[in-house]
Amino acid sequence: MDYVNKIKNEIFVHFEDTLNISKYVDIDCENNINLYATINHQGEFEFGHYYSIIKLFSQKFWYEFNDSNVYQLESTLKKFENSYVLFYIKN
């Protein structure tokens, strides 16, 4: 596959832990759609490493799932620094 631009876009996109889509649908969805997982990528455009950050439903903490290791994240400041795909769920 021939790519026009082989440089990874490193622009930070701000997103919230809750998603409000009420202006796009007829049902009330305000503040009850919550982020529960992300897929993250570290590395360059053509190579790198993928890992996930997930908030388990029964837990209040976020966890990083990285290969065969799972870490509880103490700080939420940089937890989504390399987010690639976001997963939300309606409560």
PDB file of N, CA and C in Angstrom:
ATOM      1  N   MET A   1       0.846  -1.173   0.000  1.00  0.00           N
ATOM      2  CA  MET A   1       0.000   0.000   0.000  1.00  0.00           C
ATOM      3  C   MET A   1       0.893   1.237   0.000  1.00  0.00           C
ATOM      4  N   ASP A   2       0.601   2.170  -0.858  1.00  0.00           N
ATOM      5  CA  ASP A   2       1.391   3.386  -0.961  1.00  0.00           C
ATOM      6  C   ASP A   2       0.660   4.528  -0.252  1.00  0.00           C
ATOM      7  N   TYR A   3       1.269   5.060   0.793  1.00  0.00           N
ATOM      8  CA  TYR A   3       0.671   6.152   1.553  1.00  0.00           C
ATOM      9  C   TYR A   3       1.221   7.482   1.056  1.00  0.00           C
ATOM     10  N   VAL A   4       0.356   8.474   0.986  1.00  0.00           N
ATOM     11  CA  VAL A   4       0.767   9.806   0.561  1.00  0.00           C
ATOM     12  C   VAL A   4       1.640  10.442   1.636  1.00  0.00           C
ATOM     13  N   ASN A   5       1.215  10.336   2.879  1.00  0.00           N
ATOM     14  CA  ASN A   5       1.917  10.947   3.995  1.00  0.00           C
ATOM     15  C   ASN A   5       2.259   9.860   5.001  1.00  0.00           C
ATOM     16  N   LYS A   6       3.530   9.542   5.158  1.00  0.00           N
ATOM     17  CA  LYS A   6       3.925   8.477   6.063  1.00  0.00           C
ATOM     18  C   LYS A   6       4.363   9.015   7.423  1.00  0.00           C
ATOM     19  N   ILE A   7       3.783  10.118   7.840  1.00  0.00           N
ATOM     20  CA  ILE A   7       4.087  10.711   9.136  1.00  0.00           C
ATOM     21  C   ILE A   7       2.857  10.553  10.022  1.00  0.00           C
ATOM     22  N   LYS A   8       3.057  10.025  11.211  1.00  0.00           N
ATOM     23  CA  LYS A   8       1.963   9.843  12.157  1.00  0.00           C
ATOM     24  C   LYS A   8       1.475  11.202  12.644  1.00  0.00           C
ATOM     25  N   ASN A   9       0.175  11.386  12.648  1.00  0.00           N
ATOM     26  CA  ASN A   9      -0.432  12.607  13.148  1.00  0.00           C
ATOM     27  C   ASN A   9      -0.362  12.593  14.671  1.00  0.00           C
ATOM     28  N   GLU A  10       0.373  13.504  15.252  1.00  0.00           N
ATOM     29  CA  GLU A  10       0.575  13.560  16.704  1.00  0.00           C
ATOM     30  C   GLU A  10      -0.272  14.648  17.368  1.00  0.00           C
ATOM     31  N   ILE A  11      -1.252  15.187  16.657  1.00  0.00           N
ATOM     32  CA  ILE A  11      -2.085  16.258  17.201  1.00  0.00           C
ATOM     33  C   ILE A  11      -2.980  15.698  18.299  1.00  0.00           C
ATOM     34  N   PHE A  12      -2.957  16.324  19.473  1.00  0.00           N
ATOM     35  CA  PHE A  12      -3.785  15.896  20.589  1.00  0.00           C
ATOM     36  C   PHE A  12      -5.218  16.334  20.357  1.00  0.00           C
ATOM     37  N   VAL A  13      -6.144  15.410  20.515  1.00  0.00           N
ATOM     38  CA  VAL A  13      -7.568  15.699  20.388  1.00  0.00           C
ATOM     39  C   VAL A  13      -8.187  15.598  21.769  1.00  0.00           C
ATOM     40  N   HIS A  14      -8.797  16.683  22.223  1.00  0.00           N
ATOM     41  CA  HIS A  14      -9.433  16.692  23.541  1.00  0.00           C
ATOM     42  C   HIS A  14     -10.782  15.986  23.454  1.00  0.00           C
ATOM     43  N   PHE A  15     -11.045  15.102  24.400  1.00  0.00           N
ATOM     44  CA  PHE A  15     -12.348  14.445  24.467  1.00  0.00           C
ATOM     45  C   PHE A  15     -12.721  14.267  25.926  1.00  0.00           C
ATOM     46  N   GLU A  16     -13.993  14.107  26.174  1.00  0.00           N
ATOM     47  CA  GLU A  16     -14.520  14.023  27.534  1.00  0.00           C
ATOM     48  C   GLU A  16     -14.756  12.574  27.951  1.00  0.00           C
ATOM     49  N   ASP A  17     -14.879  12.362  29.261  1.00  0.00           N
ATOM     50  CA  ASP A  17     -15.226  11.038  29.773  1.00  0.00           C
ATOM     51  C   ASP A  17     -16.696  10.706  29.522  1.00  0.00           C
ATOM     52  N   THR A  18     -17.521  11.741  29.337  1.00  0.00           N
ATOM     53  CA  THR A  18     -18.928  11.524  29.002  1.00  0.00           C
ATOM     54  C   THR A  18     -19.196  12.108  27.622  1.00  0.00           C
ATOM     55  N   LEU A  19     -20.139  11.530  26.937  1.00  0.00           N
ATOM     56  CA  LEU A  19     -20.463  11.941  25.580  1.00  0.00           C
ATOM     57  C   LEU A  19     -21.919  12.375  25.530  1.00  0.00           C
ATOM     58  N   ASN A  20     -22.173  13.575  25.038  1.00  0.00           N
ATOM     59  CA  ASN A  20     -23.537  14.084  24.926  1.00  0.00           C
ATOM     60  C   ASN A  20     -23.926  14.097  23.453  1.00  0.00           C
ATOM     61  N   ILE A  21     -24.820  13.197  23.055  1.00  0.00           N
ATOM     62  CA  ILE A  21     -25.275  13.131  21.663  1.00  0.00           C
ATOM     63  C   ILE A  21     -26.741  13.539  21.543  1.00  0.00           C
ATOM     64  N   SER A  22     -27.288  14.198  22.568  1.00  0.00           N
ATOM     65  CA  SER A  22     -28.716  14.521  22.594  1.00  0.00           C
ATOM     66  C   SER A  22     -29.147  15.421  21.443  1.00  0.00           C
ATOM     67  N   LYS A  23     -28.253  16.223  20.890  1.00  0.00           N
ATOM     68  CA  LYS A  23     -28.660  17.071  19.763  1.00  0.00           C
ATOM     69  C   LYS A  23     -28.710  16.300  18.446  1.00  0.00           C
ATOM     70  N   TYR A  24     -28.259  15.032  18.450  1.00  0.00           N
ATOM     71  CA  TYR A  24     -28.259  14.214  17.233  1.00  0.00           C
ATOM     72  C   TYR A  24     -29.319  13.119  17.231  1.00  0.00           C
ATOM     73  N   VAL A  25     -29.932  12.842  18.381  1.00  0.00           N
ATOM     74  CA  VAL A  25     -30.934  11.780  18.485  1.00  0.00           C
ATOM     75  C   VAL A  25     -32.159  12.305  19.223  1.00  0.00           C
ATOM     76  N   ASP A  26     -33.263  11.578  19.109  1.00  0.00           N
ATOM     77  CA  ASP A  26     -34.514  12.001  19.738  1.00  0.00           C
ATOM     78  C   ASP A  26     -34.644  11.570  21.194  1.00  0.00           C
ATOM     79  N   ILE A  27     -33.799  10.677  21.655  1.00  0.00           N
ATOM     80  CA  ILE A  27     -33.894  10.222  23.033  1.00  0.00           C
ATOM     81  C   ILE A  27     -32.929  11.007  23.915  1.00  0.00           C
ATOM     82  N   ASP A  28     -33.201  11.010  25.203  1.00  0.00           N
ATOM     83  CA  ASP A  28     -32.351  11.749  26.144  1.00  0.00           C
ATOM     84  C   ASP A  28     -31.085  10.953  26.439  1.00  0.00           C
ATOM     85  N   CYS A  29     -29.961  11.416  25.940  1.00  0.00           N
ATOM     86  CA  CYS A  29     -28.678  10.741  26.147  1.00  0.00           C
ATOM     87  C   CYS A  29     -27.684  11.635  26.856  1.00  0.00           C
ATOM     88  N   GLU A  30     -28.147  12.716  27.392  1.00  0.00           N
ATOM     89  CA  GLU A  30     -27.224  13.665  28.003  1.00  0.00           C
ATOM     90  C   GLU A  30     -26.584  13.087  29.261  1.00  0.00           C
ATOM     91  N   ASN A  31     -25.266  13.092  29.293  1.00  0.00           N
ATOM     92  CA  ASN A  31     -24.449  12.696  30.447  1.00  0.00           C
ATOM     93  C   ASN A  31     -24.625  11.256  30.910  1.00  0.00           C
ATOM     94  N   ASN A  32     -25.128  10.363  30.067  1.00  0.00           N
ATOM     95  CA  ASN A  32     -25.189   8.974  30.494  1.00  0.00           C
ATOM     96  C   ASN A  32     -24.524   8.036  29.482  1.00  0.00           C
ATOM     97  N   ILE A  33     -23.634   8.579  28.675  1.00  0.00           N
ATOM     98  CA  ILE A  33     -22.796   7.778  27.798  1.00  0.00           C
ATOM     99  C   ILE A  33     -21.360   8.015  28.249  1.00  0.00           C
ATOM    100  N   ASN A  34     -20.741   6.971  28.777  1.00  0.00           N
ATOM    101  CA  ASN A  34     -19.440   7.120  29.429  1.00  0.00           C
ATOM    102  C   ASN A  34     -18.340   6.363  28.712  1.00  0.00           C
ATOM    103  N   LEU A  35     -17.169   6.977  28.695  1.00  0.00           N
ATOM    104  CA  LEU A  35     -15.981   6.340  28.163  1.00  0.00           C
ATOM    105  C   LEU A  35     -15.602   5.181  29.067  1.00  0.00           C
ATOM    106  N   TYR A  36     -15.362   3.996  28.483  1.00  0.00           N
ATOM    107  CA  TYR A  36     -14.944   2.864  29.299  1.00  0.00           C
ATOM    108  C   TYR A  36     -13.687   2.179  28.785  1.00  0.00           C
ATOM    109  N   ALA A  37     -13.222   2.521  27.571  1.00  0.00           N
ATOM    110  CA  ALA A  37     -12.013   1.870  27.070  1.00  0.00           C
ATOM    111  C   ALA A  37     -11.421   2.671  25.914  1.00  0.00           C
ATOM    112  N   THR A  38     -10.116   2.507  25.738  1.00  0.00           N
ATOM    113  CA  THR A  38      -9.433   3.090  24.582  1.00  0.00           C
ATOM    114  C   THR A  38      -8.437   2.080  24.044  1.00  0.00           C
ATOM    115  N   ILE A  39      -8.167   2.187  22.768  1.00  0.00           N
ATOM    116  CA  ILE A  39      -7.035   1.496  22.169  1.00  0.00           C
ATOM    117  C   ILE A  39      -6.000   2.570  21.907  1.00  0.00           C
ATOM    118  N   ASN A  40      -4.761   2.300  22.282  1.00  0.00           N
ATOM    119  CA  ASN A  40      -3.697   3.297  22.196  1.00  0.00           C
ATOM    120  C   ASN A  40      -2.562   2.784  21.327  1.00  0.00           C
ATOM    121  N   HIS A  41      -1.824   3.707  20.738  1.00  0.00           N
ATOM    122  CA  HIS A  41      -0.688   3.335  19.896  1.00  0.00           C
ATOM    123  C   HIS A  41       0.515   4.180  20.272  1.00  0.00           C
ATOM    124  N   GLN A  42       1.645   3.490  20.509  1.00  0.00           N
ATOM    125  CA  GLN A  42       2.916   4.172  20.725  1.00  0.00           C
ATOM    126  C   GLN A  42       3.833   3.783  19.583  1.00  0.00           C
ATOM    127  N   GLY A  43       4.558   4.730  19.055  1.00  0.00           N
ATOM    128  CA  GLY A  43       5.508   4.423  18.005  1.00  0.00           C
ATOM    129  C   GLY A  43       5.283   5.267  16.770  1.00  0.00           C
ATOM    130  N   GLU A  44       5.899   4.836  15.693  1.00  0.00           N
ATOM    131  CA  GLU A  44       5.842   5.556  14.433  1.00  0.00           C
ATOM    132  C   GLU A  44       4.658   5.090  13.591  1.00  0.00           C
ATOM    133  N   PHE A  45       4.483   5.689  12.434  1.00  0.00           N
ATOM    134  CA  PHE A  45       3.363   5.398  11.549  1.00  0.00           C
ATOM    135  C   PHE A  45       3.342   3.938  11.109  1.00  0.00           C
ATOM    136  N   GLU A  46       4.467   3.400  10.687  1.00  0.00           N
ATOM    137  CA  GLU A  46       4.507   2.062  10.108  1.00  0.00           C
ATOM    138  C   GLU A  46       4.864   0.961  11.110  1.00  0.00           C
ATOM    139  N   PHE A  47       5.185   1.321  12.319  1.00  0.00           N
ATOM    140  CA  PHE A  47       5.461   0.316  13.341  1.00  0.00           C
ATOM    141  C   PHE A  47       5.150   0.909  14.704  1.00  0.00           C
ATOM    142  N   GLY A  48       5.063   0.067  15.692  1.00  0.00           N
ATOM    143  CA  GLY A  48       4.778   0.548  17.029  1.00  0.00           C
ATOM    144  C   GLY A  48       4.130  -0.534  17.858  1.00  0.00           C
ATOM    145  N   HIS A  49       3.448  -0.095  18.873  1.00  0.00           N
ATOM    146  CA  HIS A  49       2.866  -1.026  19.838  1.00  0.00           C
ATOM    147  C   HIS A  49       1.470  -0.546  20.224  1.00  0.00           C
ATOM    148  N   TYR A  50       0.518  -1.465  20.220  1.00  0.00           N
ATOM    149  CA  TYR A  50      -0.847  -1.174  20.640  1.00  0.00           C
ATOM    150  C   TYR A  50      -1.088  -1.720  22.044  1.00  0.00           C
ATOM    151  N   TYR A  51      -1.862  -0.993  22.823  1.00  0.00           N
ATOM    152  CA  TYR A  51      -2.279  -1.446  24.145  1.00  0.00           C
ATOM    153  C   TYR A  51      -3.628  -0.821  24.466  1.00  0.00           C
ATOM    154  N   SER A  52      -4.293  -1.304  25.505  1.00  0.00           N
ATOM    155  CA  SER A  52      -5.625  -0.815  25.860  1.00  0.00           C
ATOM    156  C   SER A  52      -5.642  -0.246  27.266  1.00  0.00           C
ATOM    157  N   ILE A  53      -6.532   0.708  27.466  1.00  0.00           N
ATOM    158  CA  ILE A  53      -6.819   1.227  28.797  1.00  0.00           C
ATOM    159  C   ILE A  53      -8.317   1.036  29.003  1.00  0.00           C
ATOM    160  N   ILE A  54      -8.671   0.365  30.105  1.00  0.00           N
ATOM    161  CA  ILE A  54     -10.058  -0.029  30.320  1.00  0.00           C
ATOM    162  C   ILE A  54     -10.462   0.269  31.754  1.00  0.00           C
ATOM    163  N   LYS A  55     -11.694   0.758  31.891  1.00  0.00           N
ATOM    164  CA  LYS A  55     -12.277   0.924  33.219  1.00  0.00           C
ATOM    165  C   LYS A  55     -13.305  -0.193  33.374  1.00  0.00           C
ATOM    166  N   LEU A  56     -13.008  -1.130  34.253  1.00  0.00           N
ATOM    167  CA  LEU A  56     -13.918  -2.246  34.471  1.00  0.00           C
ATOM    168  C   LEU A  56     -15.191  -1.736  35.147  1.00  0.00           C
ATOM    169  N   PHE A  57     -16.326  -2.300  34.791  1.00  0.00           N
ATOM    170  CA  PHE A  57     -17.612  -1.798  35.286  1.00  0.00           C
ATOM    171  C   PHE A  57     -17.722  -1.839  36.804  1.00  0.00           C
ATOM    172  N   SER A  58     -17.110  -2.819  37.431  1.00  0.00           N
ATOM    173  CA  SER A  58     -17.206  -2.948  38.879  1.00  0.00           C
ATOM    174  C   SER A  58     -16.108  -2.177  39.619  1.00  0.00           C
ATOM    175  N   GLN A  59     -15.253  -1.481  38.897  1.00  0.00           N
ATOM    176  CA  GLN A  59     -14.119  -0.785  39.502  1.00  0.00           C
ATOM    177  C   GLN A  59     -14.232   0.721  39.280  1.00  0.00           C
ATOM    178  N   LYS A  60     -13.534   1.479  40.109  1.00  0.00           N
ATOM    179  CA  LYS A  60     -13.488   2.923  39.903  1.00  0.00           C
ATOM    180  C   LYS A  60     -12.178   3.371  39.280  1.00  0.00           C
ATOM    181  N   PHE A  61     -11.244   2.437  39.104  1.00  0.00           N
ATOM    182  CA  PHE A  61      -9.934   2.764  38.569  1.00  0.00           C
ATOM    183  C   PHE A  61      -9.821   2.359  37.097  1.00  0.00           C
ATOM    184  N   TRP A  62      -8.894   3.000  36.415  1.00  0.00           N
ATOM    185  CA  TRP A  62      -8.544   2.645  35.044  1.00  0.00           C
ATOM    186  C   TRP A  62      -7.360   1.690  35.081  1.00  0.00           C
ATOM    187  N   TYR A  63      -7.341   0.747  34.126  1.00  0.00           N
ATOM    188  CA  TYR A  63      -6.275  -0.247  34.049  1.00  0.00           C
ATOM    189  C   TYR A  63      -5.667  -0.236  32.653  1.00  0.00           C
ATOM    190  N   GLU A  64      -4.352  -0.375  32.598  1.00  0.00           N
ATOM    191  CA  GLU A  64      -3.650  -0.507  31.319  1.00  0.00           C
ATOM    192  C   GLU A  64      -3.375  -1.986  31.075  1.00  0.00           C
ATOM    193  N   PHE A  65      -3.867  -2.479  29.929  1.00  0.00           N
ATOM    194  CA  PHE A  65      -3.627  -3.855  29.504  1.00  0.00           C
ATOM    195  C   PHE A  65      -2.570  -3.796  28.411  1.00  0.00           C
ATOM    196  N   ASN A  66      -1.364  -4.262  28.735  1.00  0.00           N
ATOM    197  CA  ASN A  66      -0.224  -4.115  27.847  1.00  0.00           C
ATOM    198  C   ASN A  66       0.485  -5.465  27.740  1.00  0.00           C
ATOM    199  N   ASP A  67       0.277  -6.140  26.626  1.00  0.00           N
ATOM    200  CA  ASP A  67       0.808  -7.487  26.414  1.00  0.00           C
ATOM    201  C   ASP A  67       0.308  -8.411  27.529  1.00  0.00           C
ATOM    202  N   SER A  68       1.210  -8.990  28.294  1.00  0.00           N
ATOM    203  CA  SER A  68       0.786  -9.919  29.343  1.00  0.00           C
ATOM    204  C   SER A  68       0.710  -9.246  30.716  1.00  0.00           C
ATOM    205  N   ASN A  69       0.798  -7.930  30.758  1.00  0.00           N
ATOM    206  CA  ASN A  69       0.780  -7.189  32.020  1.00  0.00           C
ATOM    207  C   ASN A  69      -0.467  -6.316  32.135  1.00  0.00           C
ATOM    208  N   VAL A  70      -0.959  -6.188  33.359  1.00  0.00           N
ATOM    209  CA  VAL A  70      -2.076  -5.291  33.658  1.00  0.00           C
ATOM    210  C   VAL A  70      -1.636  -4.393  34.798  1.00  0.00           C
ATOM    211  N   TYR A  71      -1.804  -3.086  34.612  1.00  0.00           N
ATOM    212  CA  TYR A  71      -1.405  -2.107  35.613  1.00  0.00           C
ATOM    213  C   TYR A  71      -2.596  -1.252  36.002  1.00  0.00           C
ATOM    214  N   GLN A  72      -2.769  -1.020  37.290  1.00  0.00           N
ATOM    215  CA  GLN A  72      -3.756  -0.053  37.729  1.00  0.00           C
ATOM    216  C   GLN A  72      -3.134   1.323  37.593  1.00  0.00           C
ATOM    217  N   LEU A  73      -3.819   2.244  36.946  1.00  0.00           N
ATOM    218  CA  LEU A  73      -3.279   3.586  36.738  1.00  0.00           C
ATOM    219  C   LEU A  73      -3.553   4.445  37.961  1.00  0.00           C
ATOM    220  N   GLU A  74      -2.514   4.970  38.522  1.00  0.00           N
ATOM    221  CA  GLU A  74      -2.624   5.833  39.689  1.00  0.00           C
ATOM    222  C   GLU A  74      -3.034   7.251  39.294  1.00  0.00           C
ATOM    223  N   SER A  75      -2.483   7.731  38.200  1.00  0.00           N
ATOM    224  CA  SER A  75      -2.759   9.091  37.743  1.00  0.00           C
ATOM    225  C   SER A  75      -3.565   9.038  36.453  1.00  0.00           C
ATOM    226  N   THR A  76      -4.526   9.906  36.339  1.00  0.00           N
ATOM    227  CA  THR A  76      -5.328   9.964  35.118  1.00  0.00           C
ATOM    228  C   THR A  76      -4.862  11.070  34.184  1.00  0.00           C
ATOM    229  N   LEU A  77      -3.785  11.768  34.547  1.00  0.00           N
ATOM    230  CA  LEU A  77      -3.353  12.914  33.759  1.00  0.00           C
ATOM    231  C   LEU A  77      -2.934  12.543  32.341  1.00  0.00           C
ATOM    232  N   LYS A  78      -2.229  11.433  32.165  1.00  0.00           N
ATOM    233  CA  LYS A  78      -1.730  11.067  30.851  1.00  0.00           C
ATOM    234  C   LYS A  78      -2.299   9.740  30.358  1.00  0.00           C
ATOM    235  N   LYS A  79      -3.397   9.298  30.920  1.00  0.00           N
ATOM    236  CA  LYS A  79      -3.904   7.980  30.580  1.00  0.00           C
ATOM    237  C   LYS A  79      -4.335   7.864  29.122  1.00  0.00           C
ATOM    238  N   PHE A  80      -4.739   8.947  28.506  1.00  0.00           N
ATOM    239  CA  PHE A  80      -5.235   8.894  27.135  1.00  0.00           C
ATOM    240  C   PHE A  80      -4.316   9.619  26.151  1.00  0.00           C
ATOM    241  N   GLU A  81      -3.068   9.738  26.495  1.00  0.00           N
ATOM    242  CA  GLU A  81      -2.123  10.483  25.673  1.00  0.00           C
ATOM    243  C   GLU A  81      -1.974   9.918  24.259  1.00  0.00           C
ATOM    244  N   ASN A  82      -2.050   8.602  24.107  1.00  0.00           N
ATOM    245  CA  ASN A  82      -1.854   7.954  22.806  1.00  0.00           C
ATOM    246  C   ASN A  82      -3.119   7.285  22.287  1.00  0.00           C
ATOM    247  N   SER A  83      -4.288   7.780  22.686  1.00  0.00           N
ATOM    248  CA  SER A  83      -5.543   7.125  22.303  1.00  0.00           C
ATOM    249  C   SER A  83      -5.753   7.147  20.803  1.00  0.00           C
ATOM    250  N   TYR A  84      -6.224   6.021  20.304  1.00  0.00           N
ATOM    251  CA  TYR A  84      -6.405   5.808  18.868  1.00  0.00           C
ATOM    252  C   TYR A  84      -7.870   5.531  18.550  1.00  0.00           C
ATOM    253  N   VAL A  85      -8.525   4.751  19.402  1.00  0.00           N
ATOM    254  CA  VAL A  85      -9.947   4.433  19.269  1.00  0.00           C
ATOM    255  C   VAL A  85     -10.578   4.580  20.647  1.00  0.00           C
ATOM    256  N   LEU A  86     -11.757   5.197  20.714  1.00  0.00           N
ATOM    257  CA  LEU A  86     -12.475   5.403  21.973  1.00  0.00           C
ATOM    258  C   LEU A  86     -13.725   4.543  21.998  1.00  0.00           C
ATOM    259  N   PHE A  87     -14.021   3.961  23.156  1.00  0.00           N
ATOM    260  CA  PHE A  87     -15.226   3.157  23.333  1.00  0.00           C
ATOM    261  C   PHE A  87     -16.090   3.770  24.419  1.00  0.00           C
ATOM    262  N   TYR A  88     -17.344   4.063  24.082  1.00  0.00           N
ATOM    263  CA  TYR A  88     -18.302   4.617  25.027  1.00  0.00           C
ATOM    264  C   TYR A  88     -19.445   3.616  25.209  1.00  0.00           C
ATOM    265  N   ILE A  89     -20.096   3.683  26.366  1.00  0.00           N
ATOM    266  CA  ILE A  89     -21.249   2.826  26.634  1.00  0.00           C
ATOM    267  C   ILE A  89     -22.355   3.666  27.260  1.00  0.00           C
ATOM    268  N   LYS A  90     -23.594   3.355  26.874  1.00  0.00           N
ATOM    269  CA  LYS A  90     -24.749   4.051  27.444  1.00  0.00           C
ATOM    270  C   LYS A  90     -25.138   3.362  28.739  1.00  0.00           C
ATOM    271  N   ASN A  91     -25.236   4.147  29.806  1.00  0.00           N
ATOM    272  CA  ASN A  91     -25.618   3.589  31.114  1.00  0.00           C
ATOM    273  C   ASN A  91     -27.116   3.400  31.199  1.00  0.00           C
TER     274      ASN A  91
END
